[in-house]
């Protein structure tokens, strides 16, 4: 079946020293095939999926306690681990200090 709504997990980071500051600018990590930027053309890969993007879709149906891997993913993004960043379409912090 197909649902009428699709919930998405969005991973963002900020360079702001105080993330709770209302003026903090949050930047999104874009995935290769996961829905994101509305002006980006949807990717089409068949019969396979990018595994991380596929897992992110399922993570939206559950809590982070049921998907502990997402906490590890966030830690690797904060550490700017190159192997992890290679799985993404864009790194908004490339060439800058990590978030």
PDB file of N, CA and C in Angstrom:
ATOM      1  N   UNK A   1       0.836  -1.182   0.000  1.00  0.00           N
ATOM      2  CA  UNK A   1       0.000   0.000   0.000  1.00  0.00           C
ATOM      3  C   UNK A   1       0.880   1.244   0.000  1.00  0.00           C
ATOM      4  N   UNK A   2       0.318   2.328  -0.392  1.00  0.00           N
ATOM      5  CA  UNK A   2       1.029   3.601  -0.435  1.00  0.00           C
ATOM      6  C   UNK A   2       0.320   4.558   0.506  1.00  0.00           C
ATOM      7  N   UNK A   3       1.095   5.246   1.323  1.00  0.00           N
ATOM      8  CA  UNK A   3       0.505   6.201   2.253  1.00  0.00           C
ATOM      9  C   UNK A   3       0.344   7.556   1.577  1.00  0.00           C
ATOM     10  N   UNK A   4      -0.512   8.388   2.136  1.00  0.00           N
ATOM     11  CA  UNK A   4      -0.738   9.723   1.575  1.00  0.00           C
ATOM     12  C   UNK A   4       0.308  10.719   2.049  1.00  0.00           C
ATOM     13  N   UNK A   5       0.979  10.407   3.156  1.00  0.00           N
ATOM     14  CA  UNK A   5       2.017  11.275   3.691  1.00  0.00           C
ATOM     15  C   UNK A   5       3.306  10.485   3.821  1.00  0.00           C
ATOM     16  N   UNK A   6       4.421  11.179   3.709  1.00  0.00           N
ATOM     17  CA  UNK A   6       5.724  10.532   3.885  1.00  0.00           C
ATOM     18  C   UNK A   6       6.522  11.340   4.897  1.00  0.00           C
ATOM     19  N   UNK A   7       6.836  10.705   6.004  1.00  0.00           N
ATOM     20  CA  UNK A   7       7.650  11.330   7.037  1.00  0.00           C
ATOM     21  C   UNK A   7       9.113  11.109   6.685  1.00  0.00           C
ATOM     22  N   UNK A   8       9.935  12.128   6.857  1.00  0.00           N
ATOM     23  CA  UNK A   8      11.358  12.030   6.540  1.00  0.00           C
ATOM     24  C   UNK A   8      12.205  12.396   7.744  1.00  0.00           C
ATOM     25  N   UNK A   9      13.311  11.696   7.915  1.00  0.00           N
ATOM     26  CA  UNK A   9      14.326  12.071   8.895  1.00  0.00           C
ATOM     27  C   UNK A   9      15.280  13.012   8.173  1.00  0.00           C
ATOM     28  N   UNK A  10      15.533  14.172   8.760  1.00  0.00           N
ATOM     29  CA  UNK A  10      16.436  15.152   8.168  1.00  0.00           C
ATOM     30  C   UNK A  10      17.597  15.360   9.125  1.00  0.00           C
ATOM     31  N   UNK A  11      18.817  15.204   8.621  1.00  0.00           N
ATOM     32  CA  UNK A  11      20.005  15.434   9.437  1.00  0.00           C
ATOM     33  C   UNK A  11      20.566  16.805   9.089  1.00  0.00           C
ATOM     34  N   UNK A  12      20.733  17.627  10.118  1.00  0.00           N
ATOM     35  CA  UNK A  12      21.238  18.981   9.935  1.00  0.00           C
ATOM     36  C   UNK A  12      22.348  19.250  10.940  1.00  0.00           C
ATOM     37  N   UNK A  13      23.181  20.235  10.631  1.00  0.00           N
ATOM     38  CA  UNK A  13      24.220  20.674  11.543  1.00  0.00           C
ATOM     39  C   UNK A  13      24.295  22.184  11.514  1.00  0.00           C
ATOM     40  N   UNK A  14      24.952  22.757  12.518  1.00  0.00           N
ATOM     41  CA  UNK A  14      25.117  24.204  12.573  1.00  0.00           C
ATOM     42  C   UNK A  14      26.536  24.539  13.011  1.00  0.00           C
ATOM     43  N   UNK A  15      27.043  25.647  12.522  1.00  0.00           N
ATOM     44  CA  UNK A  15      28.351  26.154  12.934  1.00  0.00           C
ATOM     45  C   UNK A  15      28.208  27.131  14.092  1.00  0.00           C
ATOM     46  N   UNK A  16      27.007  27.391  14.495  1.00  0.00           N
ATOM     47  CA  UNK A  16      26.754  28.337  15.576  1.00  0.00           C
ATOM     48  C   UNK A  16      27.331  27.810  16.889  1.00  0.00           C
ATOM     49  N   UNK A  17      28.003  28.668  17.661  1.00  0.00           N
ATOM     50  CA  UNK A  17      28.513  28.222  18.960  1.00  0.00           C
ATOM     51  C   UNK A  17      27.392  27.841  19.930  1.00  0.00           C
ATOM     52  N   UNK A  18      26.212  28.404  19.723  1.00  0.00           N
ATOM     53  CA  UNK A  18      25.056  28.083  20.566  1.00  0.00           C
ATOM     54  C   UNK A  18      23.926  27.581  19.672  1.00  0.00           C
ATOM     55  N   UNK A  19      23.781  26.248  19.554  1.00  0.00           N
ATOM     56  CA  UNK A  19      22.742  25.699  18.676  1.00  0.00           C
ATOM     57  C   UNK A  19      21.324  26.075  19.080  1.00  0.00           C
ATOM     58  N   UNK A  20      21.129  26.479  20.336  1.00  0.00           N
ATOM     59  CA  UNK A  20      19.794  26.854  20.798  1.00  0.00           C
ATOM     60  C   UNK A  20      19.450  28.302  20.453  1.00  0.00           C
ATOM     61  N   UNK A  21      20.434  29.045  19.976  1.00  0.00           N
ATOM     62  CA  UNK A  21      20.211  30.441  19.592  1.00  0.00           C
ATOM     63  C   UNK A  21      19.242  30.487  18.412  1.00  0.00           C
ATOM     64  N   UNK A  22      18.155  31.265  18.498  1.00  0.00           N
ATOM     65  CA  UNK A  22      17.185  31.330  17.400  1.00  0.00           C
ATOM     66  C   UNK A  22      17.793  31.805  16.078  1.00  0.00           C
ATOM     67  N   UNK A  23      18.931  32.506  16.134  1.00  0.00           N
ATOM     68  CA  UNK A  23      19.549  32.982  14.900  1.00  0.00           C
ATOM     69  C   UNK A  23      20.542  31.971  14.320  1.00  0.00           C
ATOM     70  N   UNK A  24      20.698  30.808  14.963  1.00  0.00           N
ATOM     71  CA  UNK A  24      21.600  29.775  14.456  1.00  0.00           C
ATOM     72  C   UNK A  24      21.103  29.291  13.090  1.00  0.00           C
ATOM     73  N   UNK A  25      22.028  29.139  12.164  1.00  0.00           N
ATOM     74  CA  UNK A  25      21.695  28.662  10.818  1.00  0.00           C
ATOM     75  C   UNK A  25      21.970  27.162  10.763  1.00  0.00           C
ATOM     76  N   UNK A  26      20.937  26.400  10.455  1.00  0.00           N
ATOM     77  CA  UNK A  26      21.045  24.944  10.349  1.00  0.00           C
ATOM     78  C   UNK A  26      21.127  24.562   8.879  1.00  0.00           C
ATOM     79  N   UNK A  27      22.095  23.696   8.546  1.00  0.00           N
ATOM     80  CA  UNK A  27      22.311  23.278   7.162  1.00  0.00           C
ATOM     81  C   UNK A  27      22.089  21.771   7.050  1.00  0.00           C
ATOM     82  N   UNK A  28      21.431  21.378   5.981  1.00  0.00           N
ATOM     83  CA  UNK A  28      21.022  19.987   5.806  1.00  0.00           C
ATOM     84  C   UNK A  28      22.062  19.171   5.053  1.00  0.00           C
ATOM     85  N   UNK A  29      22.291  17.950   5.533  1.00  0.00           N
ATOM     86  CA  UNK A  29      23.099  16.985   4.798  1.00  0.00           C
ATOM     87  C   UNK A  29      22.173  16.343   3.772  1.00  0.00           C
ATOM     88  N   UNK A  30      22.502  16.455   2.500  1.00  0.00           N
ATOM     89  CA  UNK A  30      21.669  15.882   1.433  1.00  0.00           C
ATOM     90  C   UNK A  30      22.123  14.463   1.117  1.00  0.00           C
ATOM     91  N   UNK A  31      21.175  13.582   0.920  1.00  0.00           N
ATOM     92  CA  UNK A  31      21.456  12.204   0.550  1.00  0.00           C
ATOM     93  C   UNK A  31      21.364  12.072  -0.970  1.00  0.00           C
ATOM     94  N   UNK A  32      21.929  10.999  -1.499  1.00  0.00           N
ATOM     95  CA  UNK A  32      21.969  10.826  -2.949  1.00  0.00           C
ATOM     96  C   UNK A  32      20.593  10.603  -3.556  1.00  0.00           C
ATOM     97  N   UNK A  33      19.744   9.824  -2.894  1.00  0.00           N
ATOM     98  CA  UNK A  33      18.434   9.512  -3.486  1.00  0.00           C
ATOM     99  C   UNK A  33      17.263   9.745  -2.559  1.00  0.00           C
ATOM    100  N   UNK A  34      17.519  10.051  -1.316  1.00  0.00           N
ATOM    101  CA  UNK A  34      16.430  10.309  -0.375  1.00  0.00           C
ATOM    102  C   UNK A  34      15.769  11.634  -0.748  1.00  0.00           C
ATOM    103  N   UNK A  35      14.449  11.737  -0.659  1.00  0.00           N
ATOM    104  CA  UNK A  35      13.806  13.018  -0.946  1.00  0.00           C
ATOM    105  C   UNK A  35      14.398  14.126  -0.082  1.00  0.00           C
ATOM    106  N   UNK A  36      14.589  15.262  -0.692  1.00  0.00           N
ATOM    107  CA  UNK A  36      15.182  16.393   0.021  1.00  0.00           C
ATOM    108  C   UNK A  36      14.805  17.686  -0.667  1.00  0.00           C
ATOM    109  N   UNK A  37      15.806  18.326  -1.259  1.00  0.00           N
ATOM    110  CA  UNK A  37      15.608  19.592  -1.962  1.00  0.00           C
ATOM    111  C   UNK A  37      14.497  19.431  -3.009  1.00  0.00           C
ATOM    112  N   UNK A  38      13.476  20.270  -2.908  1.00  0.00           N
ATOM    113  CA  UNK A  38      12.308  20.130  -3.787  1.00  0.00           C
ATOM    114  C   UNK A  38      12.624  20.440  -5.247  1.00  0.00           C
ATOM    115  N   UNK A  39      13.639  21.238  -5.489  1.00  0.00           N
ATOM    116  CA  UNK A  39      13.988  21.582  -6.879  1.00  0.00           C
ATOM    117  C   UNK A  39      14.899  20.550  -7.535  1.00  0.00           C
ATOM    118  N   UNK A  40      15.346  19.559  -6.758  1.00  0.00           N
ATOM    119  CA  UNK A  40      16.223  18.518  -7.299  1.00  0.00           C
ATOM    120  C   UNK A  40      15.388  17.431  -7.965  1.00  0.00           C
ATOM    121  N   UNK A  41      15.814  16.999  -9.103  1.00  0.00           N
ATOM    122  CA  UNK A  41      15.118  15.922  -9.809  1.00  0.00           C
ATOM    123  C   UNK A  41      15.235  14.628  -9.008  1.00  0.00           C
ATOM    124  N   UNK A  42      14.163  13.864  -8.859  1.00  0.00           N
ATOM    125  CA  UNK A  42      14.249  12.586  -8.137  1.00  0.00           C
ATOM    126  C   UNK A  42      15.206  11.641  -8.857  1.00  0.00           C
ATOM    127  N   UNK A  43      15.973  10.902  -8.094  1.00  0.00           N
ATOM    128  CA  UNK A  43      16.889   9.945  -8.719  1.00  0.00           C
ATOM    129  C   UNK A  43      16.106   8.685  -9.080  1.00  0.00           C
ATOM    130  N   UNK A  44      16.651   7.960  -9.996  1.00  0.00           N
ATOM    131  CA  UNK A  44      16.008   6.714 -10.417  1.00  0.00           C
ATOM    132  C   UNK A  44      17.094   5.662 -10.552  1.00  0.00           C
ATOM    133  N   UNK A  45      17.035   4.661  -9.707  1.00  0.00           N
ATOM    134  CA  UNK A  45      17.971   3.555  -9.764  1.00  0.00           C
ATOM    135  C   UNK A  45      17.135   2.297  -9.665  1.00  0.00           C
ATOM    136  N   UNK A  46      17.258   1.440 -10.599  1.00  0.00           N
ATOM    137  CA  UNK A  46      16.463   0.231 -10.546  1.00  0.00           C
ATOM    138  C   UNK A  46      17.320  -0.937 -10.995  1.00  0.00           C
ATOM    139  N   UNK A  47      17.227  -2.048 -10.398  1.00  0.00           N
ATOM    140  CA  UNK A  47      16.303  -2.470  -9.352  1.00  0.00           C
ATOM    141  C   UNK A  47      16.844  -2.250  -7.945  1.00  0.00           C
ATOM    142  N   UNK A  48      17.936  -1.505  -7.793  1.00  0.00           N
ATOM    143  CA  UNK A  48      18.577  -1.351  -6.490  1.00  0.00           C
ATOM    144  C   UNK A  48      18.272   0.003  -5.870  1.00  0.00           C
ATOM    145  N   UNK A  49      18.616   0.132  -4.587  1.00  0.00           N
ATOM    146  CA  UNK A  49      18.478   1.389  -3.850  1.00  0.00           C
ATOM    147  C   UNK A  49      19.816   1.690  -3.195  1.00  0.00           C
ATOM    148  N   UNK A  50      20.065   2.965  -2.934  1.00  0.00           N
ATOM    149  CA  UNK A  50      21.191   3.302  -2.071  1.00  0.00           C
ATOM    150  C   UNK A  50      20.793   2.856  -0.672  1.00  0.00           C
ATOM    151  N   UNK A  51      21.595   2.007  -0.068  1.00  0.00           N
ATOM    152  CA  UNK A  51      21.220   1.375   1.199  1.00  0.00           C
ATOM    153  C   UNK A  51      20.975   2.387   2.316  1.00  0.00           C
ATOM    154  N   UNK A  52      21.847   3.384   2.462  1.00  0.00           N
ATOM    155  CA  UNK A  52      21.667   4.355   3.534  1.00  0.00           C
ATOM    156  C   UNK A  52      20.375   5.142   3.332  1.00  0.00           C
ATOM    157  N   UNK A  53      20.102   5.553   2.122  1.00  0.00           N
ATOM    158  CA  UNK A  53      18.870   6.285   1.834  1.00  0.00           C
ATOM    159  C   UNK A  53      17.644   5.425   2.140  1.00  0.00           C
ATOM    160  N   UNK A  54      17.727   4.155   1.804  1.00  0.00           N
ATOM    161  CA  UNK A  54      16.637   3.206   2.063  1.00  0.00           C
ATOM    162  C   UNK A  54      16.419   3.051   3.563  1.00  0.00           C
ATOM    163  N   UNK A  55      17.519   2.934   4.338  1.00  0.00           N
ATOM    164  CA  UNK A  55      17.410   2.810   5.789  1.00  0.00           C
ATOM    165  C   UNK A  55      16.810   4.069   6.415  1.00  0.00           C
ATOM    166  N   UNK A  56      17.145   5.228   5.870  1.00  0.00           N
ATOM    167  CA  UNK A  56      16.602   6.485   6.389  1.00  0.00           C
ATOM    168  C   UNK A  56      15.083   6.513   6.216  1.00  0.00           C
ATOM    169  N   UNK A  57      14.604   5.953   5.124  1.00  0.00           N
ATOM    170  CA  UNK A  57      13.162   5.914   4.883  1.00  0.00           C
ATOM    171  C   UNK A  57      12.481   5.092   5.979  1.00  0.00           C
ATOM    172  N   UNK A  58      13.048   3.929   6.310  1.00  0.00           N
ATOM    173  CA  UNK A  58      12.463   3.086   7.349  1.00  0.00           C
ATOM    174  C   UNK A  58      12.631   3.690   8.737  1.00  0.00           C
ATOM    175  N   UNK A  59      13.707   4.424   8.958  1.00  0.00           N
ATOM    176  CA  UNK A  59      13.937   5.056  10.265  1.00  0.00           C
ATOM    177  C   UNK A  59      12.833   6.054  10.590  1.00  0.00           C
ATOM    178  N   UNK A  60      12.219   6.630   9.585  1.00  0.00           N
ATOM    179  CA  UNK A  60      11.155   7.616   9.805  1.00  0.00           C
ATOM    180  C   UNK A  60       9.888   6.980  10.385  1.00  0.00           C
ATOM    181  N   UNK A  61       9.779   5.670  10.279  1.00  0.00           N
ATOM    182  CA  UNK A  61       8.605   4.975  10.815  1.00  0.00           C
ATOM    183  C   UNK A  61       8.760   4.590  12.282  1.00  0.00           C
ATOM    184  N   UNK A  62       9.976   4.747  12.821  1.00  0.00           N
ATOM    185  CA  UNK A  62      10.266   4.282  14.167  1.00  0.00           C
ATOM    186  C   UNK A  62      10.985   5.367  14.959  1.00  0.00           C
ATOM    187  N   UNK A  63      11.341   5.041  16.210  1.00  0.00           N
ATOM    188  CA  UNK A  63      12.084   5.978  17.055  1.00  0.00           C
ATOM    189  C   UNK A  63      13.582   5.725  16.889  1.00  0.00           C
ATOM    190  N   UNK A  64      14.383   6.674  17.374  1.00  0.00           N
ATOM    191  CA  UNK A  64      15.830   6.474  17.281  1.00  0.00           C
ATOM    192  C   UNK A  64      16.292   5.317  18.165  1.00  0.00           C
ATOM    193  N   UNK A  65      15.541   4.995  19.212  1.00  0.00           N
ATOM    194  CA  UNK A  65      15.903   3.846  20.039  1.00  0.00           C
ATOM    195  C   UNK A  65      15.812   2.543  19.241  1.00  0.00           C
ATOM    196  N   UNK A  66      14.933   2.504  18.266  1.00  0.00           N
ATOM    197  CA  UNK A  66      14.786   1.321  17.423  1.00  0.00           C
ATOM    198  C   UNK A  66      15.773   1.326  16.261  1.00  0.00           C
ATOM    199  N   UNK A  67      16.471   2.444  16.082  1.00  0.00           N
ATOM    200  CA  UNK A  67      17.451   2.596  15.001  1.00  0.00           C
ATOM    201  C   UNK A  67      18.720   3.240  15.561  1.00  0.00           C
ATOM    202  N   UNK A  68      19.405   2.506  16.436  1.00  0.00           N
ATOM    203  CA  UNK A  68      20.592   3.060  17.086  1.00  0.00           C
ATOM    204  C   UNK A  68      21.676   3.457  16.088  1.00  0.00           C
ATOM    205  N   UNK A  69      21.673   2.864  14.918  1.00  0.00           N
ATOM    206  CA  UNK A  69      22.679   3.172  13.912  1.00  0.00           C
ATOM    207  C   UNK A  69      22.646   4.650  13.517  1.00  0.00           C
ATOM    208  N   UNK A  70      21.476   5.280  13.632  1.00  0.00           N
ATOM    209  CA  UNK A  70      21.369   6.684  13.216  1.00  0.00           C
ATOM    210  C   UNK A  70      22.163   7.598  14.164  1.00  0.00           C
ATOM    211  N   UNK A  71      22.283   7.212  15.435  1.00  0.00           N
ATOM    212  CA  UNK A  71      23.099   7.962  16.388  1.00  0.00           C
ATOM    213  C   UNK A  71      24.572   7.866  15.986  1.00  0.00           C
ATOM    214  N   UNK A  72      25.001   6.682  15.584  1.00  0.00           N
ATOM    215  CA  UNK A  72      26.379   6.490  15.128  1.00  0.00           C
ATOM    216  C   UNK A  72      26.636   7.268  13.841  1.00  0.00           C
ATOM    217  N   UNK A  73      25.654   7.281  12.946  1.00  0.00           N
ATOM    218  CA  UNK A  73      25.780   8.050  11.708  1.00  0.00           C
ATOM    219  C   UNK A  73      25.963   9.537  12.020  1.00  0.00           C
ATOM    220  N   UNK A  74      25.153  10.064  12.921  1.00  0.00           N
ATOM    221  CA  UNK A  74      25.264  11.475  13.297  1.00  0.00           C
ATOM    222  C   UNK A  74      26.645  11.768  13.885  1.00  0.00           C
ATOM    223  N   UNK A  75      27.165  10.866  14.703  1.00  0.00           N
ATOM    224  CA  UNK A  75      28.500  11.049  15.273  1.00  0.00           C
ATOM    225  C   UNK A  75      29.574  11.088  14.204  1.00  0.00           C
ATOM    226  N   UNK A  76      29.447  10.229  13.197  1.00  0.00           N
ATOM    227  CA  UNK A  76      30.421  10.209  12.112  1.00  0.00           C
ATOM    228  C   UNK A  76      30.322  11.475  11.261  1.00  0.00           C
ATOM    229  N   UNK A  77      29.112  12.004  11.095  1.00  0.00           N
ATOM    230  CA  UNK A  77      28.953  13.263  10.370  1.00  0.00           C
ATOM    231  C   UNK A  77      29.555  14.421  11.156  1.00  0.00           C
ATOM    232  N   UNK A  78      29.361  14.419  12.469  1.00  0.00           N
ATOM    233  CA  UNK A  78      29.957  15.462  13.310  1.00  0.00           C
ATOM    234  C   UNK A  78      31.477  15.407  13.267  1.00  0.00           C
ATOM    235  N   UNK A  79      32.033  14.198  13.160  1.00  0.00           N
ATOM    236  CA  UNK A  79      33.488  14.021  13.088  1.00  0.00           C
ATOM    237  C   UNK A  79      34.014  14.224  11.675  1.00  0.00           C
ATOM    238  N   UNK A  80      33.098  14.448  10.706  1.00  0.00           N
ATOM    239  CA  UNK A  80      33.461  14.645   9.300  1.00  0.00           C
ATOM    240  C   UNK A  80      34.266  13.461   8.755  1.00  0.00           C
ATOM    241  N   UNK A  81      33.826  12.251   9.082  1.00  0.00           N
ATOM    242  CA  UNK A  81      34.487  11.037   8.602  1.00  0.00           C
ATOM    243  C   UNK A  81      34.281  10.902   7.097  1.00  0.00           C
ATOM    244  N   UNK A  82      35.383  10.855   6.368  1.00  0.00           N
ATOM    245  CA  UNK A  82      35.334  10.866   4.900  1.00  0.00           C
ATOM    246  C   UNK A  82      34.549   9.693   4.315  1.00  0.00           C
ATOM    247  N   UNK A  83      34.714   8.488   4.868  1.00  0.00           N
ATOM    248  CA  UNK A  83      34.002   7.324   4.335  1.00  0.00           C
ATOM    249  C   UNK A  83      32.496   7.485   4.479  1.00  0.00           C
ATOM    250  N   UNK A  84      32.058   8.095   5.563  1.00  0.00           N
ATOM    251  CA  UNK A  84      30.630   8.312   5.787  1.00  0.00           C
ATOM    252  C   UNK A  84      30.123   9.425   4.883  1.00  0.00           C
ATOM    253  N   UNK A  85      30.890  10.498   4.758  1.00  0.00           N
ATOM    254  CA  UNK A  85      30.484  11.616   3.905  1.00  0.00           C
ATOM    255  C   UNK A  85      30.390  11.200   2.440  1.00  0.00           C
ATOM    256  N   UNK A  86      31.156  10.183   2.048  1.00  0.00           N
ATOM    257  CA  UNK A  86      31.096   9.696   0.665  1.00  0.00           C
ATOM    258  C   UNK A  86      29.750   9.059   0.343  1.00  0.00           C
ATOM    259  N   UNK A  87      28.983   8.675   1.363  1.00  0.00           N
ATOM    260  CA  UNK A  87      27.662   8.082   1.156  1.00  0.00           C
ATOM    261  C   UNK A  87      26.591   9.134   0.882  1.00  0.00           C
ATOM    262  N   UNK A  88      26.934  10.402   1.080  1.00  0.00           N
ATOM    263  CA  UNK A  88      25.970  11.496   0.938  1.00  0.00           C
ATOM    264  C   UNK A  88      26.174  12.233  -0.381  1.00  0.00           C
ATOM    265  N   UNK A  89      25.150  12.959  -0.794  1.00  0.00           N
ATOM    266  CA  UNK A  89      25.243  13.769  -2.012  1.00  0.00           C
ATOM    267  C   UNK A  89      26.021  15.048  -1.734  1.00  0.00           C
ATOM    268  N   UNK A  90      25.762  15.694  -0.595  1.00  0.00           N
ATOM    269  CA  UNK A  90      26.448  16.939  -0.272  1.00  0.00           C
ATOM    270  C   UNK A  90      26.825  16.982   1.199  1.00  0.00           C
ATOM    271  N   UNK A  91      27.914  17.693   1.466  1.00  0.00           N
ATOM    272  CA  UNK A  91      28.344  17.977   2.828  1.00  0.00           C
ATOM    273  C   UNK A  91      28.348  19.500   2.962  1.00  0.00           C
ATOM    274  N   UNK A  92      27.396  20.076   3.661  1.00  0.00           N
ATOM    275  CA  UNK A  92      27.339  21.531   3.758  1.00  0.00           C
ATOM    276  C   UNK A  92      28.518  22.134   4.511  1.00  0.00           C
ATOM    277  N   UNK A  93      29.342  21.315   5.151  1.00  0.00           N
ATOM    278  CA  UNK A  93      30.479  21.803   5.924  1.00  0.00           C
ATOM    279  C   UNK A  93      31.810  21.500   5.251  1.00  0.00           C
ATOM    280  N   UNK A  94      31.790  21.142   3.974  1.00  0.00           N
ATOM    281  CA  UNK A  94      33.018  20.847   3.253  1.00  0.00           C
ATOM    282  C   UNK A  94      33.910  22.082   3.239  1.00  0.00           C
ATOM    283  N   UNK A  95      35.167  21.886   3.606  1.00  0.00           N
ATOM    284  CA  UNK A  95      36.124  22.984   3.607  1.00  0.00           C
ATOM    285  C   UNK A  95      35.967  23.931   4.800  1.00  0.00           C
ATOM    286  N   UNK A  96      35.122  23.576   5.739  1.00  0.00           N
ATOM    287  CA  UNK A  96      34.898  24.420   6.921  1.00  0.00           C
ATOM    288  C   UNK A  96      35.082  23.570   8.172  1.00  0.00           C
ATOM    289  N   UNK A  97      34.992  24.232   9.309  1.00  0.00           N
ATOM    290  CA  UNK A  97      35.032  23.524  10.580  1.00  0.00           C
ATOM    291  C   UNK A  97      33.822  22.589  10.667  1.00  0.00           C
ATOM    292  N   UNK A  98      33.982  21.432  11.316  1.00  0.00           N
ATOM    293  CA  UNK A  98      32.823  20.536  11.467  1.00  0.00           C
ATOM    294  C   UNK A  98      31.706  21.195  12.271  1.00  0.00           C
ATOM    295  N   UNK A  99      30.495  20.708  12.091  1.00  0.00           N
ATOM    296  CA  UNK A  99      29.363  21.296  12.826  1.00  0.00           C
ATOM    297  C   UNK A  99      29.488  21.069  14.323  1.00  0.00           C
TER     298      UNK A  99
END
